[in-house]
């Protein structure tokens, strides 16, 4: 059974940082592109960042470029999202996702991903 477990969310003030982690099990992690998405209240779930299986290619949504960094440790079956210079508009539930079909990091659609975590809340106060 595939499981993706996010952690690291919380309440922070604007300008501060958080690091999200997503621990994966039940899938061949080192062959799966991974992504982070977020969903704010009343809004659609949106793409944040993606990383290919080897960690050599990444892609970011425009609102987070230069502030967020995605990385992975295949030995630990874990993907990370380092979030710096957080803004109130970053407030959302953050989800990690795994693609079993080797989706391109440039495919930002939710449909490119097959497995999802339960999400972790990130709240940024002004």
PDB file of N, CA and C in Angstrom:
ATOM      1  N   UNK A   1       0.845  -1.184   0.000  1.00  0.00           N
ATOM      2  CA  UNK A   1       0.000   0.000   0.000  1.00  0.00           C
ATOM      3  C   UNK A   1       0.885   1.241   0.000  1.00  0.00           C
ATOM      4  N   UNK A   2       0.609   2.140  -0.917  1.00  0.00           N
ATOM      5  CA  UNK A   2       1.384   3.364  -1.028  1.00  0.00           C
ATOM      6  C   UNK A   2       0.955   4.351   0.050  1.00  0.00           C
ATOM      7  N   UNK A   3       1.932   4.918   0.708  1.00  0.00           N
ATOM      8  CA  UNK A   3       1.663   5.958   1.694  1.00  0.00           C
ATOM      9  C   UNK A   3       2.620   7.118   1.495  1.00  0.00           C
ATOM     10  N   UNK A   4       2.071   8.313   1.534  1.00  0.00           N
ATOM     11  CA  UNK A   4       2.852   9.545   1.509  1.00  0.00           C
ATOM     12  C   UNK A   4       2.466  10.335   2.742  1.00  0.00           C
ATOM     13  N   UNK A   5       3.440  10.627   3.577  1.00  0.00           N
ATOM     14  CA  UNK A   5       3.156  11.299   4.850  1.00  0.00           C
ATOM     15  C   UNK A   5       3.915  12.610   4.931  1.00  0.00           C
ATOM     16  N   UNK A   6       3.157  13.717   4.864  1.00  0.00           N
ATOM     17  CA  UNK A   6       3.757  15.042   4.968  1.00  0.00           C
ATOM     18  C   UNK A   6       3.922  15.438   6.429  1.00  0.00           C
ATOM     19  N   UNK A   7       4.935  16.253   6.675  1.00  0.00           N
ATOM     20  CA  UNK A   7       5.150  16.817   8.002  1.00  0.00           C
ATOM     21  C   UNK A   7       5.888  18.129   7.861  1.00  0.00           C
ATOM     22  N   UNK A   8       5.907  18.895   8.947  1.00  0.00           N
ATOM     23  CA  UNK A   8       6.669  20.136   8.959  1.00  0.00           C
ATOM     24  C   UNK A   8       5.861  21.400   8.823  1.00  0.00           C
ATOM     25  N   UNK A   9       4.558  21.264   8.635  1.00  0.00           N
ATOM     26  CA  UNK A   9       3.737  22.457   8.542  1.00  0.00           C
ATOM     27  C   UNK A   9       3.596  23.151   9.881  1.00  0.00           C
ATOM     28  N   UNK A  10       2.990  24.335   9.863  1.00  0.00           N
ATOM     29  CA  UNK A  10       2.782  25.061  11.105  1.00  0.00           C
ATOM     30  C   UNK A  10       2.412  26.498  10.851  1.00  0.00           C
ATOM     31  N   UNK A  11       2.452  27.272  11.935  1.00  0.00           N
ATOM     32  CA  UNK A  11       2.131  28.695  11.890  1.00  0.00           C
ATOM     33  C   UNK A  11       3.425  29.490  12.020  1.00  0.00           C
ATOM     34  N   UNK A  12       3.679  30.356  11.036  1.00  0.00           N
ATOM     35  CA  UNK A  12       4.871  31.190  11.065  1.00  0.00           C
ATOM     36  C   UNK A  12       4.507  32.614  10.679  1.00  0.00           C
ATOM     37  N   UNK A  13       5.393  33.530  11.033  1.00  0.00           N
ATOM     38  CA  UNK A  13       5.206  34.916  10.618  1.00  0.00           C
ATOM     39  C   UNK A  13       5.783  35.133   9.222  1.00  0.00           C
ATOM     40  N   UNK A  14       5.231  36.098   8.546  1.00  0.00           N
ATOM     41  CA  UNK A  14       5.729  36.435   7.217  1.00  0.00           C
ATOM     42  C   UNK A  14       7.227  36.725   7.280  1.00  0.00           C
ATOM     43  N   UNK A  15       7.929  36.242   6.258  1.00  0.00           N
ATOM     44  CA  UNK A  15       9.368  36.433   6.189  1.00  0.00           C
ATOM     45  C   UNK A  15      10.173  35.269   6.722  1.00  0.00           C
ATOM     46  N   UNK A  16       9.517  34.413   7.484  1.00  0.00           N
ATOM     47  CA  UNK A  16      10.206  33.263   8.065  1.00  0.00           C
ATOM     48  C   UNK A  16      10.191  32.064   7.119  1.00  0.00           C
ATOM     49  N   UNK A  17      10.740  30.955   7.600  1.00  0.00           N
ATOM     50  CA  UNK A  17      10.918  29.765   6.763  1.00  0.00           C
ATOM     51  C   UNK A  17      10.292  28.532   7.413  1.00  0.00           C
ATOM     52  N   UNK A  18       9.973  27.571   6.562  1.00  0.00           N
ATOM     53  CA  UNK A  18       9.532  26.248   6.987  1.00  0.00           C
ATOM     54  C   UNK A  18      10.115  25.228   6.027  1.00  0.00           C
ATOM     55  N   UNK A  19      10.320  24.026   6.532  1.00  0.00           N
ATOM     56  CA  UNK A  19      10.748  22.930   5.681  1.00  0.00           C
ATOM     57  C   UNK A  19       9.751  21.791   5.804  1.00  0.00           C
ATOM     58  N   UNK A  20       9.118  21.477   4.706  1.00  0.00           N
ATOM     59  CA  UNK A  20       8.189  20.358   4.671  1.00  0.00           C
ATOM     60  C   UNK A  20       8.912  19.087   4.242  1.00  0.00           C
ATOM     61  N   UNK A  21       8.482  17.978   4.798  1.00  0.00           N
ATOM     62  CA  UNK A  21       9.009  16.671   4.412  1.00  0.00           C
ATOM     63  C   UNK A  21       7.856  15.776   3.996  1.00  0.00           C
ATOM     64  N   UNK A  22       8.158  14.840   3.123  1.00  0.00           N
ATOM     65  CA  UNK A  22       7.164  13.858   2.701  1.00  0.00           C
ATOM     66  C   UNK A  22       7.871  12.502   2.637  1.00  0.00           C
ATOM     67  N   UNK A  23       7.501  11.627   3.543  1.00  0.00           N
ATOM     68  CA  UNK A  23       8.084  10.286   3.585  1.00  0.00           C
ATOM     69  C   UNK A  23       7.198   9.318   2.815  1.00  0.00           C
ATOM     70  N   UNK A  24       7.790   8.600   1.888  1.00  0.00           N
ATOM     71  CA  UNK A  24       7.042   7.700   1.022  1.00  0.00           C
ATOM     72  C   UNK A  24       7.333   6.245   1.359  1.00  0.00           C
ATOM     73  N   UNK A  25       6.328   5.405   1.185  1.00  0.00           N
ATOM     74  CA  UNK A  25       6.500   3.968   1.356  1.00  0.00           C
ATOM     75  C   UNK A  25       5.562   3.243   0.409  1.00  0.00           C
ATOM     76  N   UNK A  26       5.912   1.981   0.088  1.00  0.00           N
ATOM     77  CA  UNK A  26       5.046   1.166  -0.744  1.00  0.00           C
ATOM     78  C   UNK A  26       5.146   1.428  -2.229  1.00  0.00           C
ATOM     79  N   UNK A  27       6.160   2.190  -2.649  1.00  0.00           N
ATOM     80  CA  UNK A  27       6.344   2.432  -4.082  1.00  0.00           C
ATOM     81  C   UNK A  27       7.837   2.546  -4.377  1.00  0.00           C
ATOM     82  N   UNK A  28       8.207   2.334  -5.645  1.00  0.00           N
ATOM     83  CA  UNK A  28       9.634   2.445  -6.004  1.00  0.00           C
ATOM     84  C   UNK A  28      10.048   3.910  -6.066  1.00  0.00           C
ATOM     85  N   UNK A  29      10.279   4.486  -4.907  1.00  0.00           N
ATOM     86  CA  UNK A  29      10.460   5.930  -4.779  1.00  0.00           C
ATOM     87  C   UNK A  29      11.518   6.472  -5.727  1.00  0.00           C
ATOM     88  N   UNK A  30      12.622   5.789  -5.865  1.00  0.00           N
ATOM     89  CA  UNK A  30      13.741   6.328  -6.649  1.00  0.00           C
ATOM     90  C   UNK A  30      13.428   6.409  -8.138  1.00  0.00           C
ATOM     91  N   UNK A  31      12.316   5.853  -8.572  1.00  0.00           N
ATOM     92  CA  UNK A  31      11.920   5.937  -9.985  1.00  0.00           C
ATOM     93  C   UNK A  31      10.750   6.888 -10.200  1.00  0.00           C
ATOM     94  N   UNK A  32      10.260   7.510  -9.139  1.00  0.00           N
ATOM     95  CA  UNK A  32       9.044   8.329  -9.220  1.00  0.00           C
ATOM     96  C   UNK A  32       9.333   9.815  -9.163  1.00  0.00           C
ATOM     97  N   UNK A  33       8.931  10.553 -10.182  1.00  0.00           N
ATOM     98  CA  UNK A  33       8.910  12.008 -10.030  1.00  0.00           C
ATOM     99  C   UNK A  33       7.975  12.381  -8.876  1.00  0.00           C
ATOM    100  N   UNK A  34       8.326  13.434  -8.180  1.00  0.00           N
ATOM    101  CA  UNK A  34       7.544  13.862  -7.029  1.00  0.00           C
ATOM    102  C   UNK A  34       7.160  15.328  -7.180  1.00  0.00           C
ATOM    103  N   UNK A  35       6.016  15.670  -6.622  1.00  0.00           N
ATOM    104  CA  UNK A  35       5.574  17.051  -6.703  1.00  0.00           C
ATOM    105  C   UNK A  35       4.983  17.524  -5.390  1.00  0.00           C
ATOM    106  N   UNK A  36       4.928  18.826  -5.250  1.00  0.00           N
ATOM    107  CA  UNK A  36       4.224  19.487  -4.152  1.00  0.00           C
ATOM    108  C   UNK A  36       3.132  20.359  -4.761  1.00  0.00           C
ATOM    109  N   UNK A  37       1.966  20.274  -4.169  1.00  0.00           N
ATOM    110  CA  UNK A  37       0.830  21.111  -4.539  1.00  0.00           C
ATOM    111  C   UNK A  37       0.312  21.779  -3.278  1.00  0.00           C
ATOM    112  N   UNK A  38      -0.530  22.786  -3.447  1.00  0.00           N
ATOM    113  CA  UNK A  38      -1.152  23.425  -2.300  1.00  0.00           C
ATOM    114  C   UNK A  38      -2.570  23.822  -2.629  1.00  0.00           C
ATOM    115  N   UNK A  39      -3.370  23.918  -1.584  1.00  0.00           N
ATOM    116  CA  UNK A  39      -4.764  24.305  -1.750  1.00  0.00           C
ATOM    117  C   UNK A  39      -5.164  25.253  -0.634  1.00  0.00           C
ATOM    118  N   UNK A  40      -5.497  26.467  -1.034  1.00  0.00           N
ATOM    119  CA  UNK A  40      -5.981  27.467  -0.088  1.00  0.00           C
ATOM    120  C   UNK A  40      -7.500  27.364   0.009  1.00  0.00           C
ATOM    121  N   UNK A  41      -8.088  27.842   1.102  1.00  0.00           N
ATOM    122  CA  UNK A  41      -9.542  27.767   1.261  1.00  0.00           C
ATOM    123  C   UNK A  41     -10.272  28.410   0.097  1.00  0.00           C
ATOM    124  N   UNK A  42     -11.216  27.681  -0.475  1.00  0.00           N
ATOM    125  CA  UNK A  42     -12.023  28.208  -1.559  1.00  0.00           C
ATOM    126  C   UNK A  42     -11.343  28.240  -2.913  1.00  0.00           C
ATOM    127  N   UNK A  43     -10.141  27.676  -2.984  1.00  0.00           N
ATOM    128  CA  UNK A  43      -9.403  27.698  -4.246  1.00  0.00           C
ATOM    129  C   UNK A  43      -9.085  26.274  -4.720  1.00  0.00           C
ATOM    130  N   UNK A  44      -8.738  26.192  -5.989  1.00  0.00           N
ATOM    131  CA  UNK A  44      -8.337  24.903  -6.554  1.00  0.00           C
ATOM    132  C   UNK A  44      -6.948  24.507  -6.053  1.00  0.00           C
ATOM    133  N   UNK A  45      -6.695  23.212  -6.038  1.00  0.00           N
ATOM    134  CA  UNK A  45      -5.355  22.747  -5.709  1.00  0.00           C
ATOM    135  C   UNK A  45      -4.426  23.154  -6.840  1.00  0.00           C
ATOM    136  N   UNK A  46      -3.274  23.734  -6.499  1.00  0.00           N
ATOM    137  CA  UNK A  46      -2.374  24.248  -7.521  1.00  0.00           C
ATOM    138  C   UNK A  46      -0.966  23.691  -7.361  1.00  0.00           C
ATOM    139  N   UNK A  47      -0.289  23.628  -8.478  1.00  0.00           N
ATOM    140  CA  UNK A  47       1.084  23.148  -8.533  1.00  0.00           C
ATOM    141  C   UNK A  47       2.013  24.125  -7.827  1.00  0.00           C
ATOM    142  N   UNK A  48       2.986  23.558  -7.093  1.00  0.00           N
ATOM    143  CA  UNK A  48       4.003  24.374  -6.427  1.00  0.00           C
ATOM    144  C   UNK A  48       5.393  24.063  -6.989  1.00  0.00           C
ATOM    145  N   UNK A  49       5.760  22.777  -6.979  1.00  0.00           N
ATOM    146  CA  UNK A  49       7.111  22.396  -7.398  1.00  0.00           C
ATOM    147  C   UNK A  49       7.127  20.916  -7.746  1.00  0.00           C
ATOM    148  N   UNK A  50       8.105  20.544  -8.563  1.00  0.00           N
ATOM    149  CA  UNK A  50       8.275  19.138  -8.929  1.00  0.00           C
ATOM    150  C   UNK A  50       9.747  18.833  -9.102  1.00  0.00           C
ATOM    151  N   UNK A  51      10.085  17.564  -8.929  1.00  0.00           N
ATOM    152  CA  UNK A  51      11.462  17.108  -9.069  1.00  0.00           C
ATOM    153  C   UNK A  51      11.449  15.742  -9.747  1.00  0.00           C
ATOM    154  N   UNK A  52      12.402  15.523 -10.637  1.00  0.00           N
ATOM    155  CA  UNK A  52      12.411  14.241 -11.321  1.00  0.00           C
ATOM    156  C   UNK A  52      13.001  13.156 -10.420  1.00  0.00           C
ATOM    157  N   UNK A  53      13.006  11.924 -10.918  1.00  0.00           N
ATOM    158  CA  UNK A  53      13.353  10.782 -10.079  1.00  0.00           C
ATOM    159  C   UNK A  53      14.779  10.870  -9.528  1.00  0.00           C
ATOM    160  N   UNK A  54      15.683  11.375 -10.326  1.00  0.00           N
ATOM    161  CA  UNK A  54      17.080  11.434  -9.900  1.00  0.00           C
ATOM    162  C   UNK A  54      17.407  12.724  -9.162  1.00  0.00           C
ATOM    163  N   UNK A  55      16.475  13.661  -9.181  1.00  0.00           N
ATOM    164  CA  UNK A  55      16.746  14.930  -8.523  1.00  0.00           C
ATOM    165  C   UNK A  55      17.564  15.889  -9.349  1.00  0.00           C
ATOM    166  N   UNK A  56      17.632  15.653 -10.660  1.00  0.00           N
ATOM    167  CA  UNK A  56      18.474  16.490 -11.521  1.00  0.00           C
ATOM    168  C   UNK A  56      17.690  17.595 -12.227  1.00  0.00           C
ATOM    169  N   UNK A  57      16.382  17.492 -12.239  1.00  0.00           N
ATOM    170  CA  UNK A  57      15.541  18.521 -12.849  1.00  0.00           C
ATOM    171  C   UNK A  57      14.449  18.929 -11.855  1.00  0.00           C
ATOM    172  N   UNK A  58      14.205  20.222 -11.791  1.00  0.00           N
ATOM    173  CA  UNK A  58      13.146  20.749 -10.935  1.00  0.00           C
ATOM    174  C   UNK A  58      12.346  21.783 -11.705  1.00  0.00           C
ATOM    175  N   UNK A  59      11.154  22.051 -11.211  1.00  0.00           N
ATOM    176  CA  UNK A  59      10.305  23.069 -11.808  1.00  0.00           C
ATOM    177  C   UNK A  59       9.497  23.714 -10.692  1.00  0.00           C
ATOM    178  N   UNK A  60       9.238  25.007 -10.824  1.00  0.00           N
ATOM    179  CA  UNK A  60       8.515  25.756  -9.797  1.00  0.00           C
ATOM    180  C   UNK A  60       7.415  26.588 -10.420  1.00  0.00           C
ATOM    181  N   UNK A  61       6.361  26.770  -9.662  1.00  0.00           N
ATOM    182  CA  UNK A  61       5.332  27.731 -10.051  1.00  0.00           C
ATOM    183  C   UNK A  61       5.899  29.139  -9.895  1.00  0.00           C
ATOM    184  N   UNK A  62       5.449  30.034 -10.718  1.00  0.00           N
ATOM    185  CA  UNK A  62       5.975  31.403 -10.702  1.00  0.00           C
ATOM    186  C   UNK A  62       5.891  32.069  -9.327  1.00  0.00           C
ATOM    187  N   UNK A  63       4.792  31.916  -8.578  1.00  0.00           N
ATOM    188  CA  UNK A  63       4.707  32.620  -7.290  1.00  0.00           C
ATOM    189  C   UNK A  63       5.753  32.198  -6.258  1.00  0.00           C
ATOM    190  N   UNK A  64       6.380  31.043  -6.441  1.00  0.00           N
ATOM    191  CA  UNK A  64       7.324  30.566  -5.434  1.00  0.00           C
ATOM    192  C   UNK A  64       8.768  30.542  -5.930  1.00  0.00           C
ATOM    193  N   UNK A  65       8.967  30.875  -7.181  1.00  0.00           N
ATOM    194  CA  UNK A  65      10.332  30.853  -7.725  1.00  0.00           C
ATOM    195  C   UNK A  65      11.232  31.806  -6.947  1.00  0.00           C
ATOM    196  N   UNK A  66      12.418  31.304  -6.617  1.00  0.00           N
ATOM    197  CA  UNK A  66      13.376  32.108  -5.879  1.00  0.00           C
ATOM    198  C   UNK A  66      13.175  32.076  -4.365  1.00  0.00           C
ATOM    199  N   UNK A  67      12.052  31.509  -3.903  1.00  0.00           N
ATOM    200  CA  UNK A  67      11.786  31.426  -2.463  1.00  0.00           C
ATOM    201  C   UNK A  67      11.718  29.976  -1.966  1.00  0.00           C
ATOM    202  N   UNK A  68      11.201  29.083  -2.800  1.00  0.00           N
ATOM    203  CA  UNK A  68      11.039  27.686  -2.415  1.00  0.00           C
ATOM    204  C   UNK A  68      12.067  26.830  -3.144  1.00  0.00           C
ATOM    205  N   UNK A  69      12.433  25.709  -2.507  1.00  0.00           N
ATOM    206  CA  UNK A  69      13.362  24.760  -3.125  1.00  0.00           C
ATOM    207  C   UNK A  69      12.904  23.335  -2.826  1.00  0.00           C
ATOM    208  N   UNK A  70      12.765  22.554  -3.868  1.00  0.00           N
ATOM    209  CA  UNK A  70      12.392  21.150  -3.727  1.00  0.00           C
ATOM    210  C   UNK A  70      13.651  20.300  -3.837  1.00  0.00           C
ATOM    211  N   UNK A  71      13.719  19.254  -3.032  1.00  0.00           N
ATOM    212  CA  UNK A  71      14.857  18.333  -3.088  1.00  0.00           C
ATOM    213  C   UNK A  71      14.369  16.958  -2.655  1.00  0.00           C
ATOM    214  N   UNK A  72      15.223  15.966  -2.825  1.00  0.00           N
ATOM    215  CA  UNK A  72      14.836  14.613  -2.434  1.00  0.00           C
ATOM    216  C   UNK A  72      16.053  13.839  -1.985  1.00  0.00           C
ATOM    217  N   UNK A  73      15.804  12.841  -1.146  1.00  0.00           N
ATOM    218  CA  UNK A  73      16.831  11.924  -0.690  1.00  0.00           C
ATOM    219  C   UNK A  73      16.300  10.521  -0.975  1.00  0.00           C
ATOM    220  N   UNK A  74      16.757   9.919  -2.047  1.00  0.00           N
ATOM    221  CA  UNK A  74      16.235   8.610  -2.439  1.00  0.00           C
ATOM    222  C   UNK A  74      16.623   7.512  -1.454  1.00  0.00           C
ATOM    223  N   UNK A  75      17.698   7.719  -0.727  1.00  0.00           N
ATOM    224  CA  UNK A  75      18.083   6.733   0.289  1.00  0.00           C
ATOM    225  C   UNK A  75      17.102   6.720   1.456  1.00  0.00           C
ATOM    226  N   UNK A  76      16.432   7.847   1.660  1.00  0.00           N
ATOM    227  CA  UNK A  76      15.470   7.960   2.760  1.00  0.00           C
ATOM    228  C   UNK A  76      14.032   7.953   2.293  1.00  0.00           C
ATOM    229  N   UNK A  77      13.831   7.795   0.976  1.00  0.00           N
ATOM    230  CA  UNK A  77      12.468   7.812   0.418  1.00  0.00           C
ATOM    231  C   UNK A  77      11.702   9.065   0.847  1.00  0.00           C
ATOM    232  N   UNK A  78      12.381  10.187   0.782  1.00  0.00           N
ATOM    233  CA  UNK A  78      11.793  11.434   1.283  1.00  0.00           C
ATOM    234  C   UNK A  78      12.018  12.570   0.296  1.00  0.00           C
ATOM    235  N   UNK A  79      10.994  13.387   0.133  1.00  0.00           N
ATOM    236  CA  UNK A  79      11.100  14.608  -0.655  1.00  0.00           C
ATOM    237  C   UNK A  79      10.837  15.794   0.282  1.00  0.00           C
ATOM    238  N   UNK A  80      11.520  16.895   0.012  1.00  0.00           N
ATOM    239  CA  UNK A  80      11.457  18.069   0.877  1.00  0.00           C
ATOM    240  C   UNK A  80      10.991  19.290   0.089  1.00  0.00           C
ATOM    241  N   UNK A  81      10.449  20.239   0.819  1.00  0.00           N
ATOM    242  CA  UNK A  81      10.147  21.548   0.262  1.00  0.00           C
ATOM    243  C   UNK A  81      10.611  22.598   1.267  1.00  0.00           C
ATOM    244  N   UNK A  82      11.708  23.251   0.936  1.00  0.00           N
ATOM    245  CA  UNK A  82      12.215  24.355   1.765  1.00  0.00           C
ATOM    246  C   UNK A  82      11.514  25.630   1.332  1.00  0.00           C
ATOM    247  N   UNK A  83      10.848  26.271   2.264  1.00  0.00           N
ATOM    248  CA  UNK A  83      10.078  27.475   1.957  1.00  0.00           C
ATOM    249  C   UNK A  83      10.653  28.647   2.720  1.00  0.00           C
ATOM    250  N   UNK A  84      11.203  29.606   2.002  1.00  0.00           N
ATOM    251  CA  UNK A  84      11.804  30.791   2.601  1.00  0.00           C
ATOM    252  C   UNK A  84      10.983  32.026   2.253  1.00  0.00           C
ATOM    253  N   UNK A  85      11.212  33.085   2.991  1.00  0.00           N
ATOM    254  CA  UNK A  85      10.534  34.363   2.748  1.00  0.00           C
ATOM    255  C   UNK A  85       9.033  34.157   2.585  1.00  0.00           C
ATOM    256  N   UNK A  86       8.451  33.447   3.506  1.00  0.00           N
ATOM    257  CA  UNK A  86       7.034  33.114   3.389  1.00  0.00           C
ATOM    258  C   UNK A  86       6.148  34.348   3.440  1.00  0.00           C
ATOM    259  N   UNK A  87       5.057  34.279   2.698  1.00  0.00           N
ATOM    260  CA  UNK A  87       4.098  35.368   2.606  1.00  0.00           C
ATOM    261  C   UNK A  87       2.722  34.865   3.052  1.00  0.00           C
ATOM    262  N   UNK A  88       1.853  35.767   3.487  1.00  0.00           N
ATOM    263  CA  UNK A  88       0.505  35.328   3.870  1.00  0.00           C
ATOM    264  C   UNK A  88      -0.209  34.563   2.754  1.00  0.00           C
ATOM    265  N   UNK A  89       0.063  34.919   1.517  1.00  0.00           N
ATOM    266  CA  UNK A  89      -0.595  34.235   0.395  1.00  0.00           C
ATOM    267  C   UNK A  89      -0.072  32.815   0.175  1.00  0.00           C
ATOM    268  N   UNK A  90       0.954  32.413   0.910  1.00  0.00           N
ATOM    269  CA  UNK A  90       1.414  31.024   0.861  1.00  0.00           C
ATOM    270  C   UNK A  90       0.584  30.126   1.783  1.00  0.00           C
ATOM    271  N   UNK A  91      -0.290  30.709   2.569  1.00  0.00           N
ATOM    272  CA  UNK A  91      -1.130  29.936   3.474  1.00  0.00           C
ATOM    273  C   UNK A  91      -1.999  28.955   2.695  1.00  0.00           C
ATOM    274  N   UNK A  92      -1.893  27.686   3.049  1.00  0.00           N
ATOM    275  CA  UNK A  92      -2.615  26.630   2.337  1.00  0.00           C
ATOM    276  C   UNK A  92      -2.318  25.295   2.995  1.00  0.00           C
ATOM    277  N   UNK A  93      -3.042  24.285   2.582  1.00  0.00           N
ATOM    278  CA  UNK A  93      -2.672  22.912   2.889  1.00  0.00           C
ATOM    279  C   UNK A  93      -1.744  22.451   1.771  1.00  0.00           C
ATOM    280  N   UNK A  94      -0.593  21.927   2.160  1.00  0.00           N
ATOM    281  CA  UNK A  94       0.409  21.491   1.195  1.00  0.00           C
ATOM    282  C   UNK A  94       0.390  19.957   1.092  1.00  0.00           C
ATOM    283  N   UNK A  95       0.348  19.483  -0.141  1.00  0.00           N
ATOM    284  CA  UNK A  95       0.278  18.054  -0.424  1.00  0.00           C
ATOM    285  C   UNK A  95       1.496  17.611  -1.238  1.00  0.00           C
ATOM    286  N   UNK A  96       2.038  16.465  -0.908  1.00  0.00           N
ATOM    287  CA  UNK A  96       3.026  15.883  -1.804  1.00  0.00           C
ATOM    288  C   UNK A  96       2.332  14.816  -2.648  1.00  0.00           C
ATOM    289  N   UNK A  97       2.917  14.571  -3.804  1.00  0.00           N
ATOM    290  CA  UNK A  97       2.321  13.648  -4.756  1.00  0.00           C
ATOM    291  C   UNK A  97       3.411  12.887  -5.484  1.00  0.00           C
ATOM    292  N   UNK A  98       3.093  11.669  -5.870  1.00  0.00           N
ATOM    293  CA  UNK A  98       4.032  10.811  -6.580  1.00  0.00           C
ATOM    294  C   UNK A  98       3.453  10.372  -7.914  1.00  0.00           C
ATOM    295  N   UNK A  99       4.316  10.318  -8.916  1.00  0.00           N
ATOM    296  CA  UNK A  99       3.905   9.865 -10.239  1.00  0.00           C
ATOM    297  C   UNK A  99       4.539   8.500 -10.519  1.00  0.00           C
ATOM    298  N   UNK A 100       3.733   7.524 -10.836  1.00  0.00           N
ATOM    299  CA  UNK A 100       4.277   6.202 -11.181  1.00  0.00           C
ATOM    300  C   UNK A 100       4.555   6.099 -12.667  1.00  0.00           C
ATOM    301  N   UNK A 101       4.116   7.090 -13.429  1.00  0.00           N
ATOM    302  CA  UNK A 101       4.266   7.044 -14.884  1.00  0.00           C
ATOM    303  C   UNK A 101       5.334   7.996 -15.378  1.00  0.00           C
ATOM    304  N   UNK A 102       6.242   8.365 -14.462  1.00  0.00           N
ATOM    305  CA  UNK A 102       7.398   9.179 -14.849  1.00  0.00           C
ATOM    306  C   UNK A 102       6.981  10.473 -15.532  1.00  0.00           C
ATOM    307  N   UNK A 103       6.049  11.175 -14.888  1.00  0.00           N
ATOM    308  CA  UNK A 103       5.601  12.456 -15.426  1.00  0.00           C
ATOM    309  C   UNK A 103       6.763  13.433 -15.517  1.00  0.00           C
ATOM    310  N   UNK A 104       6.702  14.288 -16.511  1.00  0.00           N
ATOM    311  CA  UNK A 104       7.698  15.352 -16.644  1.00  0.00           C
ATOM    312  C   UNK A 104       7.517  16.370 -15.523  1.00  0.00           C
ATOM    313  N   UNK A 105       8.604  16.942 -15.058  1.00  0.00           N
ATOM    314  CA  UNK A 105       8.497  17.988 -14.038  1.00  0.00           C
ATOM    315  C   UNK A 105       7.783  19.217 -14.586  1.00  0.00           C
ATOM    316  N   UNK A 106       7.677  19.310 -15.915  1.00  0.00           N
ATOM    317  CA  UNK A 106       7.037  20.461 -16.532  1.00  0.00           C
ATOM    318  C   UNK A 106       5.530  20.250 -16.726  1.00  0.00           C
ATOM    319  N   UNK A 107       5.053  19.054 -16.381  1.00  0.00           N
ATOM    320  CA  UNK A 107       3.616  18.795 -16.389  1.00  0.00           C
ATOM    321  C   UNK A 107       3.070  19.175 -15.016  1.00  0.00           C
ATOM    322  N   UNK A 108       2.388  20.303 -14.942  1.00  0.00           N
ATOM    323  CA  UNK A 108       1.947  20.849 -13.660  1.00  0.00           C
ATOM    324  C   UNK A 108       0.525  20.447 -13.295  1.00  0.00           C
ATOM    325  N   UNK A 109      -0.064  19.566 -14.058  1.00  0.00           N
ATOM    326  CA  UNK A 109      -1.443  19.175 -13.786  1.00  0.00           C
ATOM    327  C   UNK A 109      -1.513  18.140 -12.669  1.00  0.00           C
ATOM    328  N   UNK A 110      -2.621  18.169 -11.941  1.00  0.00           N
ATOM    329  CA  UNK A 110      -2.827  17.175 -10.882  1.00  0.00           C
ATOM    330  C   UNK A 110      -2.913  15.771 -11.469  1.00  0.00           C
ATOM    331  N   UNK A 111      -3.420  15.670 -12.680  1.00  0.00           N
ATOM    332  CA  UNK A 111      -3.609  14.365 -13.304  1.00  0.00           C
ATOM    333  C   UNK A 111      -2.295  13.636 -13.591  1.00  0.00           C
ATOM    334  N   UNK A 112      -1.188  14.338 -13.540  1.00  0.00           N
ATOM    335  CA  UNK A 112       0.117  13.710 -13.793  1.00  0.00           C
ATOM    336  C   UNK A 112       0.563  12.848 -12.617  1.00  0.00           C
ATOM    337  N   UNK A 113      -0.124  12.975 -11.484  1.00  0.00           N
ATOM    338  CA  UNK A 113       0.286  12.302 -10.259  1.00  0.00           C
ATOM    339  C   UNK A 113      -0.763  11.270  -9.835  1.00  0.00           C
ATOM    340  N   UNK A 114      -0.255  10.153  -9.321  1.00  0.00           N
ATOM    341  CA  UNK A 114      -1.122   9.024  -9.014  1.00  0.00           C
ATOM    342  C   UNK A 114      -1.397   8.843  -7.524  1.00  0.00           C
ATOM    343  N   UNK A 115      -0.494   9.291  -6.697  1.00  0.00           N
ATOM    344  CA  UNK A 115      -0.634   9.084  -5.261  1.00  0.00           C
ATOM    345  C   UNK A 115      -0.469  10.421  -4.535  1.00  0.00           C
ATOM    346  N   UNK A 116      -1.252  10.581  -3.473  1.00  0.00           N
ATOM    347  CA  UNK A 116      -1.276  11.845  -2.741  1.00  0.00           C
ATOM    348  C   UNK A 116      -1.204  11.599  -1.244  1.00  0.00           C
ATOM    349  N   UNK A 117      -0.554  12.527  -0.556  1.00  0.00           N
ATOM    350  CA  UNK A 117      -0.573  12.501   0.883  1.00  0.00           C
ATOM    351  C   UNK A 117      -1.820  13.173   1.426  1.00  0.00           C
ATOM    352  N   UNK A 118      -1.924  13.201   2.754  1.00  0.00           N
ATOM    353  CA  UNK A 118      -3.090  13.799   3.410  1.00  0.00           C
ATOM    354  C   UNK A 118      -2.974  15.304   3.555  1.00  0.00           C
ATOM    355  N   UNK A 119      -1.781  15.823   3.401  1.00  0.00           N
ATOM    356  CA  UNK A 119      -1.588  17.259   3.465  1.00  0.00           C
ATOM    357  C   UNK A 119      -1.122  17.739   4.831  1.00  0.00           C
ATOM    358  N   UNK A 120      -0.444  18.873   4.829  1.00  0.00           N
ATOM    359  CA  UNK A 120      -0.009  19.519   6.067  1.00  0.00           C
ATOM    360  C   UNK A 120      -0.312  21.016   5.952  1.00  0.00           C
ATOM    361  N   UNK A 121      -0.854  21.579   7.012  1.00  0.00           N
ATOM    362  CA  UNK A 121      -1.289  22.973   6.989  1.00  0.00           C
ATOM    363  C   UNK A 121      -0.109  23.901   7.205  1.00  0.00           C
ATOM    364  N   UNK A 122      -0.023  24.903   6.355  1.00  0.00           N
ATOM    365  CA  UNK A 122       0.948  25.990   6.507  1.00  0.00           C
ATOM    366  C   UNK A 122       0.159  27.288   6.613  1.00  0.00           C
ATOM    367  N   UNK A 123       0.376  28.009   7.692  1.00  0.00           N
ATOM    368  CA  UNK A 123      -0.297  29.278   7.911  1.00  0.00           C
ATOM    369  C   UNK A 123       0.753  30.351   8.139  1.00  0.00           C
ATOM    370  N   UNK A 124       0.680  31.404   7.333  1.00  0.00           N
ATOM    371  CA  UNK A 124       1.637  32.496   7.423  1.00  0.00           C
ATOM    372  C   UNK A 124       0.891  33.749   7.867  1.00  0.00           C
ATOM    373  N   UNK A 125       1.276  34.285   9.004  1.00  0.00           N
ATOM    374  CA  UNK A 125       0.614  35.480   9.527  1.00  0.00           C
ATOM    375  C   UNK A 125       1.379  36.723   9.109  1.00  0.00           C
ATOM    376  N   UNK A 126       0.631  37.799   8.959  1.00  0.00           N
ATOM    377  CA  UNK A 126       1.264  39.052   8.508  1.00  0.00           C
ATOM    378  C   UNK A 126       1.756  39.871   9.684  1.00  0.00           C
TER     379      UNK A 126
END
